[in-house]
Amino acid sequence: MRRPGPVEYEVYLISVDTQLCDGCRACLDICSVDVFEMRRGPAEAVRPENCLYCQGCLGVCKPGAITITEI
């Protein structure tokens, strides 16, 4: 049975700086929920709704290449 009241969801805006991303694919390898894809050049956050905010991608990419903001 569902409790009455609002349901809270954590949603994140994920940005990839195309000037800093070198296409190493580390973010794709570490992300267990498939947020990123490589289409044409740098990585793209194509499924930001999957993000769990584990910050693994921040740890393997160049500083500033990926930015995660809670919205």
Protein backbone atom coordinates (compact mmCIF):
# COMPACT_ATOMS: atom_id res chain seq x y z
CA MET A 1 0.00 0.00 0.00
CA ARG A 2 1.36 3.41 -1.01
CA ARG A 3 1.56 6.12 1.62
CA PRO A 4 -0.18 9.41 0.84
CA GLY A 5 1.95 12.44 0.13
CA PRO A 6 4.57 13.55 -2.36
CA VAL A 7 7.16 11.18 -3.73
CA GLU A 8 10.68 12.59 -3.93
CA TYR A 9 13.02 11.70 -6.75
CA GLU A 10 16.64 12.69 -7.11
CA VAL A 11 17.28 13.95 -10.63
CA TYR A 12 20.64 15.10 -11.92
CA LEU A 13 21.78 17.29 -14.78
CA ILE A 14 24.96 15.77 -16.19
CA SER A 15 27.17 17.87 -18.44
CA VAL A 16 30.21 16.72 -20.38
CA ASP A 17 32.69 19.44 -21.33
CA THR A 18 33.61 18.56 -24.90
CA GLN A 19 36.86 20.53 -24.60
CA LEU A 20 38.04 18.42 -21.65
CA CYS A 21 36.66 14.99 -22.63
CA ASP A 22 39.35 13.07 -24.51
CA GLY A 23 37.11 10.13 -25.45
CA CYS A 24 38.87 7.63 -23.19
CA ARG A 25 35.55 5.84 -22.41
CA ALA A 26 36.38 5.57 -18.69
CA CYS A 27 32.98 7.03 -17.77
CA LEU A 28 31.24 4.36 -19.88
CA ASP A 29 33.27 1.61 -18.25
CA ILE A 30 32.64 2.71 -14.66
CA CYS A 31 28.96 3.68 -14.97
CA SER A 32 26.87 0.67 -13.96
CA VAL A 33 23.60 2.31 -15.06
CA ASP A 34 24.62 3.28 -18.62
CA VAL A 35 24.28 7.05 -18.34
CA PHE A 36 26.94 7.68 -21.01
CA GLU A 37 27.39 6.79 -24.68
CA MET A 38 29.98 7.61 -27.30
CA ARG A 39 28.21 8.69 -30.47
CA ARG A 40 30.17 11.28 -32.38
CA GLY A 41 33.30 12.24 -30.51
CA PRO A 42 33.20 12.99 -26.78
CA ALA A 43 31.03 11.11 -24.30
CA GLU A 44 27.40 12.14 -24.00
CA ALA A 45 25.10 11.79 -20.99
CA VAL A 46 22.18 10.23 -22.88
CA ARG A 47 20.37 8.73 -19.86
CA PRO A 48 20.88 11.19 -16.97
CA GLU A 49 17.69 9.89 -15.33
CA ASN A 50 19.61 6.67 -14.55
CA CYS A 51 22.28 8.49 -12.51
CA LEU A 52 22.65 7.27 -8.93
CA TYR A 53 25.14 10.02 -8.05
CA CYS A 54 27.83 7.50 -7.18
CA GLN A 55 30.37 9.97 -8.64
CA GLY A 56 32.47 7.19 -10.17
CA CYS A 57 32.65 9.08 -13.45
CA LEU A 58 34.01 12.14 -11.66
CA GLY A 59 36.82 10.05 -10.23
CA VAL A 60 37.98 8.55 -13.52
CA CYS A 61 37.62 11.54 -15.83
CA LYS A 62 39.74 14.66 -16.10
CA PRO A 63 38.81 17.26 -13.48
CA GLY A 64 35.91 19.33 -14.79
CA ALA A 65 35.18 17.06 -17.76
CA ILE A 66 31.92 15.91 -16.16
CA THR A 67 29.68 18.03 -13.95
CA ILE A 68 26.74 16.62 -12.02
CA THR A 69 24.13 19.00 -10.61
CA GLU A 70 21.05 17.98 -8.62
CA ILE A 71 17.92 19.56 -10.11
